[in-house]
Amino acid sequence: MGRMENNIYCNCCGKFICQESEKGKHSYLSVRKEWGYFSKEKDGKIYCVDICESCCEKLTASFAIPPEIYDVTEFV
């Protein structure tokens, strides 16, 4: 799923997140990973995923080692 026709959708649940032109006004996780020579069968591939906040919470709750989380003291 991800991005279709200038819209951004959650790759996990398929929920509409926002329009591409409004992405700075919405909170979601966007990951772009370019695989290199040492990957297993992904050399030269780029993976792009967008995950809504709800699915991100579910995903990180399933981690064996929780993510590092820091407080932001200044918002730009």
PDB file of N, CA and C in Angstrom:
ATOM      1  N   MET A   1       0.854  -1.169   0.000  1.00  0.00           N
ATOM      2  CA  MET A   1       0.000   0.000   0.000  1.00  0.00           C
ATOM      3  C   MET A   1       0.897   1.228   0.000  1.00  0.00           C
ATOM      4  N   GLY A   2       1.047   1.929   1.127  1.00  0.00           N
ATOM      5  CA  GLY A   2       1.953   3.063   1.184  1.00  0.00           C
ATOM      6  C   GLY A   2       1.424   4.308   0.505  1.00  0.00           C
ATOM      7  N   ARG A   3       1.989   4.659  -0.631  1.00  0.00           N
ATOM      8  CA  ARG A   3       1.623   5.901  -1.310  1.00  0.00           C
ATOM      9  C   ARG A   3       1.007   5.602  -2.666  1.00  0.00           C
ATOM     10  N   MET A   4      -0.210   6.103  -2.842  1.00  0.00           N
ATOM     11  CA  MET A   4      -0.921   5.900  -4.103  1.00  0.00           C
ATOM     12  C   MET A   4      -1.695   7.166  -4.436  1.00  0.00           C
ATOM     13  N   GLU A   5      -1.538   7.645  -5.659  1.00  0.00           N
ATOM     14  CA  GLU A   5      -2.282   8.802  -6.150  1.00  0.00           C
ATOM     15  C   GLU A   5      -2.228   9.979  -5.181  1.00  0.00           C
ATOM     16  N   ASN A   6      -1.020  10.341  -4.724  1.00  0.00           N
ATOM     17  CA  ASN A   6      -0.787  11.471  -3.817  1.00  0.00           C
ATOM     18  C   ASN A   6      -1.405  11.302  -2.435  1.00  0.00           C
ATOM     19  N   ASN A   7      -1.777  10.092  -2.071  1.00  0.00           N
ATOM     20  CA  ASN A   7      -2.297   9.793  -0.742  1.00  0.00           C
ATOM     21  C   ASN A   7      -1.335   8.856  -0.038  1.00  0.00           C
ATOM     22  N   ILE A   8      -1.264   8.981   1.293  1.00  0.00           N
ATOM     23  CA  ILE A   8      -0.401   8.116   2.091  1.00  0.00           C
ATOM     24  C   ILE A   8      -1.283   7.209   2.934  1.00  0.00           C
ATOM     25  N   TYR A   9      -1.027   5.907   2.856  1.00  0.00           N
ATOM     26  CA  TYR A   9      -1.785   4.896   3.588  1.00  0.00           C
ATOM     27  C   TYR A   9      -0.832   4.106   4.472  1.00  0.00           C
ATOM     28  N   CYS A  10      -1.345   3.567   5.563  1.00  0.00           N
ATOM     29  CA  CYS A  10      -0.552   2.724   6.444  1.00  0.00           C
ATOM     30  C   CYS A  10      -0.297   1.382   5.763  1.00  0.00           C
ATOM     31  N   ASN A  11       0.962   0.976   5.710  1.00  0.00           N
ATOM     32  CA  ASN A  11       1.306  -0.311   5.115  1.00  0.00           C
ATOM     33  C   ASN A  11       0.834  -1.485   5.965  1.00  0.00           C
ATOM     34  N   CYS A  12       0.588  -1.268   7.264  1.00  0.00           N
ATOM     35  CA  CYS A  12       0.151  -2.362   8.138  1.00  0.00           C
ATOM     36  C   CYS A  12      -1.354  -2.600   8.055  1.00  0.00           C
ATOM     37  N   CYS A  13      -2.145  -1.540   8.266  1.00  0.00           N
ATOM     38  CA  CYS A  13      -3.603  -1.717   8.349  1.00  0.00           C
ATOM     39  C   CYS A  13      -4.354  -1.191   7.129  1.00  0.00           C
ATOM     40  N   GLY A  14      -3.690  -0.422   6.272  1.00  0.00           N
ATOM     41  CA  GLY A  14      -4.327   0.106   5.071  1.00  0.00           C
ATOM     42  C   GLY A  14      -5.092   1.402   5.279  1.00  0.00           C
ATOM     43  N   LYS A  15      -5.091   1.918   6.514  1.00  0.00           N
ATOM     44  CA  LYS A  15      -5.830   3.143   6.832  1.00  0.00           C
ATOM     45  C   LYS A  15      -5.230   4.349   6.104  1.00  0.00           C
ATOM     46  N   PHE A  16      -6.106   5.246   5.614  1.00  0.00           N
ATOM     47  CA  PHE A  16      -5.664   6.502   5.011  1.00  0.00           C
ATOM     48  C   PHE A  16      -5.020   7.357   6.094  1.00  0.00           C
ATOM     49  N   ILE A  17      -3.815   7.864   5.839  1.00  0.00           N
ATOM     50  CA  ILE A  17      -3.124   8.723   6.801  1.00  0.00           C
ATOM     51  C   ILE A  17      -3.322  10.186   6.436  1.00  0.00           C
ATOM     52  N   CYS A  18      -2.980  10.558   5.206  1.00  0.00           N
ATOM     53  CA  CYS A  18      -3.130  11.943   4.766  1.00  0.00           C
ATOM     54  C   CYS A  18      -2.778  12.041   3.287  1.00  0.00           C
ATOM     55  N   GLN A  19      -2.980  13.217   2.739  1.00  0.00           N
ATOM     56  CA  GLN A  19      -2.534  13.490   1.383  1.00  0.00           C
ATOM     57  C   GLN A  19      -1.054  13.846   1.430  1.00  0.00           C
ATOM     58  N   GLU A  20      -0.347  13.564   0.364  1.00  0.00           N
ATOM     59  CA  GLU A  20       1.088  13.844   0.269  1.00  0.00           C
ATOM     60  C   GLU A  20       1.386  15.311   0.604  1.00  0.00           C
ATOM     61  N   SER A  21       0.543  16.223   0.160  1.00  0.00           N
ATOM     62  CA  SER A  21       0.766  17.654   0.379  1.00  0.00           C
ATOM     63  C   SER A  21       0.585  18.066   1.843  1.00  0.00           C
ATOM     64  N   GLU A  22      -0.012  17.200   2.675  1.00  0.00           N
ATOM     65  CA  GLU A  22      -0.267  17.517   4.085  1.00  0.00           C
ATOM     66  C   GLU A  22       0.613  16.717   5.042  1.00  0.00           C
ATOM     67  N   LYS A  23       1.612  16.012   4.520  1.00  0.00           N
ATOM     68  CA  LYS A  23       2.374  15.076   5.353  1.00  0.00           C
ATOM     69  C   LYS A  23       3.093  15.738   6.517  1.00  0.00           C
ATOM     70  N   GLY A  24       3.415  17.015   6.446  1.00  0.00           N
ATOM     71  CA  GLY A  24       4.067  17.699   7.544  1.00  0.00           C
ATOM     72  C   GLY A  24       3.138  18.002   8.706  1.00  0.00           C
ATOM     73  N   LYS A  25       1.838  17.808   8.496  1.00  0.00           N
ATOM     74  CA  LYS A  25       0.835  18.115   9.522  1.00  0.00           C
ATOM     75  C   LYS A  25       0.317  16.864  10.222  1.00  0.00           C
ATOM     76  N   HIS A  26       0.871  15.697   9.913  1.00  0.00           N
ATOM     77  CA  HIS A  26       0.384  14.435  10.459  1.00  0.00           C
ATOM     78  C   HIS A  26       1.544  13.631  11.036  1.00  0.00           C
ATOM     79  N   SER A  27       1.256  12.853  12.068  1.00  0.00           N
ATOM     80  CA  SER A  27       2.276  12.021  12.698  1.00  0.00           C
ATOM     81  C   SER A  27       2.134  10.572  12.239  1.00  0.00           C
ATOM     82  N   TYR A  28       3.187  10.065  11.648  1.00  0.00           N
ATOM     83  CA  TYR A  28       3.257   8.665  11.234  1.00  0.00           C
ATOM     84  C   TYR A  28       4.726   8.316  11.049  1.00  0.00           C
ATOM     85  N   LEU A  29       5.027   7.049  11.035  1.00  0.00           N
ATOM     86  CA  LEU A  29       6.392   6.588  10.850  1.00  0.00           C
ATOM     87  C   LEU A  29       6.624   6.317   9.371  1.00  0.00           C
ATOM     88  N   SER A  30       7.674   6.911   8.834  1.00  0.00           N
ATOM     89  CA  SER A  30       8.029   6.691   7.438  1.00  0.00           C
ATOM     90  C   SER A  30       9.450   6.149   7.401  1.00  0.00           C
ATOM     91  N   VAL A  31       9.624   4.967   6.793  1.00  0.00           N
ATOM     92  CA  VAL A  31      10.926   4.314   6.756  1.00  0.00           C
ATOM     93  C   VAL A  31      11.325   4.079   5.303  1.00  0.00           C
ATOM     94  N   ARG A  32      12.571   4.421   4.984  1.00  0.00           N
ATOM     95  CA  ARG A  32      13.141   4.142   3.666  1.00  0.00           C
ATOM     96  C   ARG A  32      14.464   3.417   3.917  1.00  0.00           C
ATOM     97  N   LYS A  33      14.562   2.193   3.450  1.00  0.00           N
ATOM     98  CA  LYS A  33      15.767   1.379   3.670  1.00  0.00           C
ATOM     99  C   LYS A  33      16.336   0.934   2.332  1.00  0.00           C
ATOM    100  N   GLU A  34      17.569   1.315   2.077  1.00  0.00           N
ATOM    101  CA  GLU A  34      18.275   0.878   0.878  1.00  0.00           C
ATOM    102  C   GLU A  34      19.195  -0.266   1.286  1.00  0.00           C
ATOM    103  N   TRP A  35      18.930  -1.450   0.737  1.00  0.00           N
ATOM    104  CA  TRP A  35      19.691  -2.639   1.094  1.00  0.00           C
ATOM    105  C   TRP A  35      20.996  -2.687   0.306  1.00  0.00           C
ATOM    106  N   GLY A  36      22.072  -3.096   0.976  1.00  0.00           N
ATOM    107  CA  GLY A  36      23.392  -3.149   0.356  1.00  0.00           C
ATOM    108  C   GLY A  36      23.857  -4.569   0.085  1.00  0.00           C
ATOM    109  N   TYR A  37      25.137  -4.686  -0.107  1.00  0.00           N
ATOM    110  CA  TYR A  37      25.736  -5.967  -0.497  1.00  0.00           C
ATOM    111  C   TYR A  37      25.613  -7.067   0.534  1.00  0.00           C
ATOM    112  N   PHE A  38      25.483  -6.742   1.794  1.00  0.00           N
ATOM    113  CA  PHE A  38      25.508  -7.765   2.832  1.00  0.00           C
ATOM    114  C   PHE A  38      24.127  -8.234   3.263  1.00  0.00           C
ATOM    115  N   SER A  39      23.099  -7.853   2.525  1.00  0.00           N
ATOM    116  CA  SER A  39      21.751  -8.328   2.836  1.00  0.00           C
ATOM    117  C   SER A  39      21.552  -9.705   2.203  1.00  0.00           C
ATOM    118  N   LYS A  40      20.512 -10.374   2.642  1.00  0.00           N
ATOM    119  CA  LYS A  40      20.205 -11.685   2.075  1.00  0.00           C
ATOM    120  C   LYS A  40      19.134 -11.507   1.003  1.00  0.00           C
ATOM    121  N   GLU A  41      19.550 -11.549  -0.256  1.00  0.00           N
ATOM    122  CA  GLU A  41      18.659 -11.490  -1.424  1.00  0.00           C
ATOM    123  C   GLU A  41      17.926 -10.157  -1.596  1.00  0.00           C
ATOM    124  N   LYS A  42      18.428  -9.060  -0.987  1.00  0.00           N
ATOM    125  CA  LYS A  42      17.792  -7.753  -1.158  1.00  0.00           C
ATOM    126  C   LYS A  42      18.768  -6.728  -1.742  1.00  0.00           C
ATOM    127  N   ASP A  43      19.930  -7.157  -2.184  1.00  0.00           N
ATOM    128  CA  ASP A  43      20.936  -6.243  -2.714  1.00  0.00           C
ATOM    129  C   ASP A  43      20.333  -5.332  -3.781  1.00  0.00           C
ATOM    130  N   GLY A  44      20.546  -4.031  -3.627  1.00  0.00           N
ATOM    131  CA  GLY A  44      20.081  -3.073  -4.621  1.00  0.00           C
ATOM    132  C   GLY A  44      18.595  -2.751  -4.545  1.00  0.00           C
ATOM    133  N   LYS A  45      17.901  -3.232  -3.534  1.00  0.00           N
ATOM    134  CA  LYS A  45      16.468  -2.958  -3.375  1.00  0.00           C
ATOM    135  C   LYS A  45      16.270  -1.822  -2.375  1.00  0.00           C
ATOM    136  N   ILE A  46      15.220  -1.032  -2.569  1.00  0.00           N
ATOM    137  CA  ILE A  46      14.846   0.015  -1.628  1.00  0.00           C
ATOM    138  C   ILE A  46      13.440  -0.294  -1.140  1.00  0.00           C
ATOM    139  N   TYR A  47      13.292  -0.377   0.177  1.00  0.00           N
ATOM    140  CA  TYR A  47      11.988  -0.607   0.794  1.00  0.00           C
ATOM    141  C   TYR A  47      11.508   0.721   1.380  1.00  0.00           C
ATOM    142  N   CYS A  48      10.259   1.099   1.109  1.00  0.00           N
ATOM    143  CA  CYS A  48       9.646   2.299   1.668  1.00  0.00           C
ATOM    144  C   CYS A  48       8.325   1.899   2.305  1.00  0.00           C
ATOM    145  N   VAL A  49       8.145   2.250   3.581  1.00  0.00           N
ATOM    146  CA  VAL A  49       6.902   1.934   4.281  1.00  0.00           C
ATOM    147  C   VAL A  49       6.452   3.142   5.099  1.00  0.00           C
ATOM    148  N   ASP A  50       5.148   3.288   5.222  1.00  0.00           N
ATOM    149  CA  ASP A  50       4.533   4.305   6.065  1.00  0.00           C
ATOM    150  C   ASP A  50       3.625   3.574   7.042  1.00  0.00           C
ATOM    151  N   ILE A  51       3.730   3.911   8.330  1.00  0.00           N
ATOM    152  CA  ILE A  51       2.976   3.208   9.363  1.00  0.00           C
ATOM    153  C   ILE A  51       2.280   4.234  10.255  1.00  0.00           C
ATOM    154  N   CYS A  52       0.966   4.070  10.434  1.00  0.00           N
ATOM    155  CA  CYS A  52       0.195   4.992  11.270  1.00  0.00           C
ATOM    156  C   CYS A  52       0.626   4.849  12.723  1.00  0.00           C
ATOM    157  N   GLU A  53       0.264   5.846  13.536  1.00  0.00           N
ATOM    158  CA  GLU A  53       0.693   5.848  14.933  1.00  0.00           C
ATOM    159  C   GLU A  53       0.170   4.642  15.705  1.00  0.00           C
ATOM    160  N   SER A  54      -1.067   4.241  15.440  1.00  0.00           N
ATOM    161  CA  SER A  54      -1.659   3.095  16.131  1.00  0.00           C
ATOM    162  C   SER A  54      -0.899   1.805  15.816  1.00  0.00           C
ATOM    163  N   CYS A  55      -0.605   1.581  14.554  1.00  0.00           N
ATOM    164  CA  CYS A  55       0.139   0.379  14.168  1.00  0.00           C
ATOM    165  C   CYS A  55       1.582   0.434  14.662  1.00  0.00           C
ATOM    166  N   CYS A  56       2.149   1.631  14.718  1.00  0.00           N
ATOM    167  CA  CYS A  56       3.508   1.783  15.239  1.00  0.00           C
ATOM    168  C   CYS A  56       3.557   1.360  16.703  1.00  0.00           C
ATOM    169  N   GLU A  57       2.544   1.739  17.484  1.00  0.00           N
ATOM    170  CA  GLU A  57       2.482   1.338  18.888  1.00  0.00           C
ATOM    171  C   GLU A  57       2.395  -0.181  19.019  1.00  0.00           C
ATOM    172  N   LYS A  58       1.570  -0.810  18.185  1.00  0.00           N
ATOM    173  CA  LYS A  58       1.441  -2.273  18.213  1.00  0.00           C
ATOM    174  C   LYS A  58       2.752  -2.934  17.805  1.00  0.00           C
ATOM    175  N   LEU A  59       3.376  -2.396  16.776  1.00  0.00           N
ATOM    176  CA  LEU A  59       4.628  -2.960  16.271  1.00  0.00           C
ATOM    177  C   LEU A  59       5.726  -2.879  17.321  1.00  0.00           C
ATOM    178  N   THR A  60       5.916  -1.696  17.916  1.00  0.00           N
ATOM    179  CA  THR A  60       6.988  -1.554  18.904  1.00  0.00           C
ATOM    180  C   THR A  60       6.706  -2.340  20.173  1.00  0.00           C
ATOM    181  N   ALA A  61       5.432  -2.559  20.502  1.00  0.00           N
ATOM    182  CA  ALA A  61       5.088  -3.376  21.671  1.00  0.00           C
ATOM    183  C   ALA A  61       5.509  -4.836  21.469  1.00  0.00           C
ATOM    184  N   SER A  62       5.647  -5.263  20.219  1.00  0.00           N
ATOM    185  CA  SER A  62       6.021  -6.645  19.931  1.00  0.00           C
ATOM    186  C   SER A  62       7.538  -6.855  19.902  1.00  0.00           C
ATOM    187  N   PHE A  63       8.321  -5.793  20.003  1.00  0.00           N
ATOM    188  CA  PHE A  63       9.782  -5.904  19.949  1.00  0.00           C
ATOM    189  C   PHE A  63      10.317  -6.623  21.187  1.00  0.00           C
ATOM    190  N   ALA A  64      11.313  -7.472  21.004  1.00  0.00           N
ATOM    191  CA  ALA A  64      11.994  -8.117  22.129  1.00  0.00           C
ATOM    192  C   ALA A  64      12.799  -7.080  22.913  1.00  0.00           C
ATOM    193  N   ILE A  65      13.368  -6.119  22.209  1.00  0.00           N
ATOM    194  CA  ILE A  65      14.106  -5.015  22.822  1.00  0.00           C
ATOM    195  C   ILE A  65      13.368  -3.737  22.435  1.00  0.00           C
ATOM    196  N   PRO A  66      12.838  -3.012  23.415  1.00  0.00           N
ATOM    197  CA  PRO A  66      12.044  -1.828  23.081  1.00  0.00           C
ATOM    198  C   PRO A  66      12.898  -0.734  22.433  1.00  0.00           C
ATOM    199  N   PRO A  67      12.264   0.128  21.648  1.00  0.00           N
ATOM    200  CA  PRO A  67      13.021   1.216  21.012  1.00  0.00           C
ATOM    201  C   PRO A  67      13.486   2.232  22.049  1.00  0.00           C
ATOM    202  N   GLU A  68      14.547   2.936  21.719  1.00  0.00           N
ATOM    203  CA  GLU A  68      14.978   4.046  22.569  1.00  0.00           C
ATOM    204  C   GLU A  68      14.039   5.212  22.300  1.00  0.00           C
ATOM    205  N   ILE A  69      13.569   5.844  23.357  1.00  0.00           N
ATOM    206  CA  ILE A  69      12.632   6.957  23.224  1.00  0.00           C
ATOM    207  C   ILE A  69      13.203   8.147  23.979  1.00  0.00           C
ATOM    208  N   TYR A  70      13.231   9.290  23.319  1.00  0.00           N
ATOM    209  CA  TYR A  70      13.771  10.512  23.896  1.00  0.00           C
ATOM    210  C   TYR A  70      12.691  11.590  23.886  1.00  0.00           C
ATOM    211  N   ASP A  71      12.739  12.467  24.868  1.00  0.00           N
ATOM    212  CA  ASP A  71      11.834  13.615  24.902  1.00  0.00           C
ATOM    213  C   ASP A  71      12.424  14.748  24.059  1.00  0.00           C
ATOM    214  N   VAL A  72      11.564  15.405  23.309  1.00  0.00           N
ATOM    215  CA  VAL A  72      11.955  16.575  22.530  1.00  0.00           C
ATOM    216  C   VAL A  72      11.697  17.792  23.407  1.00  0.00           C
ATOM    217  N   THR A  73      12.692  18.649  23.531  1.00  0.00           N
ATOM    218  CA  THR A  73      12.531  19.823  24.380  1.00  0.00           C
ATOM    219  C   THR A  73      12.191  21.076  23.580  1.00  0.00           C
ATOM    220  N   GLU A  74      12.491  21.076  22.296  1.00  0.00           N
ATOM    221  CA  GLU A  74      12.174  22.215  21.430  1.00  0.00           C
ATOM    222  C   GLU A  74      11.550  21.707  20.145  1.00  0.00           C
ATOM    223  N   PHE A  75      10.408  22.257  19.817  1.00  0.00           N
ATOM    224  CA  PHE A  75       9.746  21.909  18.554  1.00  0.00           C
ATOM    225  C   PHE A  75      10.015  23.020  17.551  1.00  0.00           C
ATOM    226  N   VAL A  76      10.457  22.638  16.369  1.00  0.00           N
ATOM    227  CA  VAL A  76      10.779  23.611  15.342  1.00  0.00           C
ATOM    228  C   VAL A  76       9.626  23.770  14.380  1.00  0.00           C
TER     229      VAL A  76
END
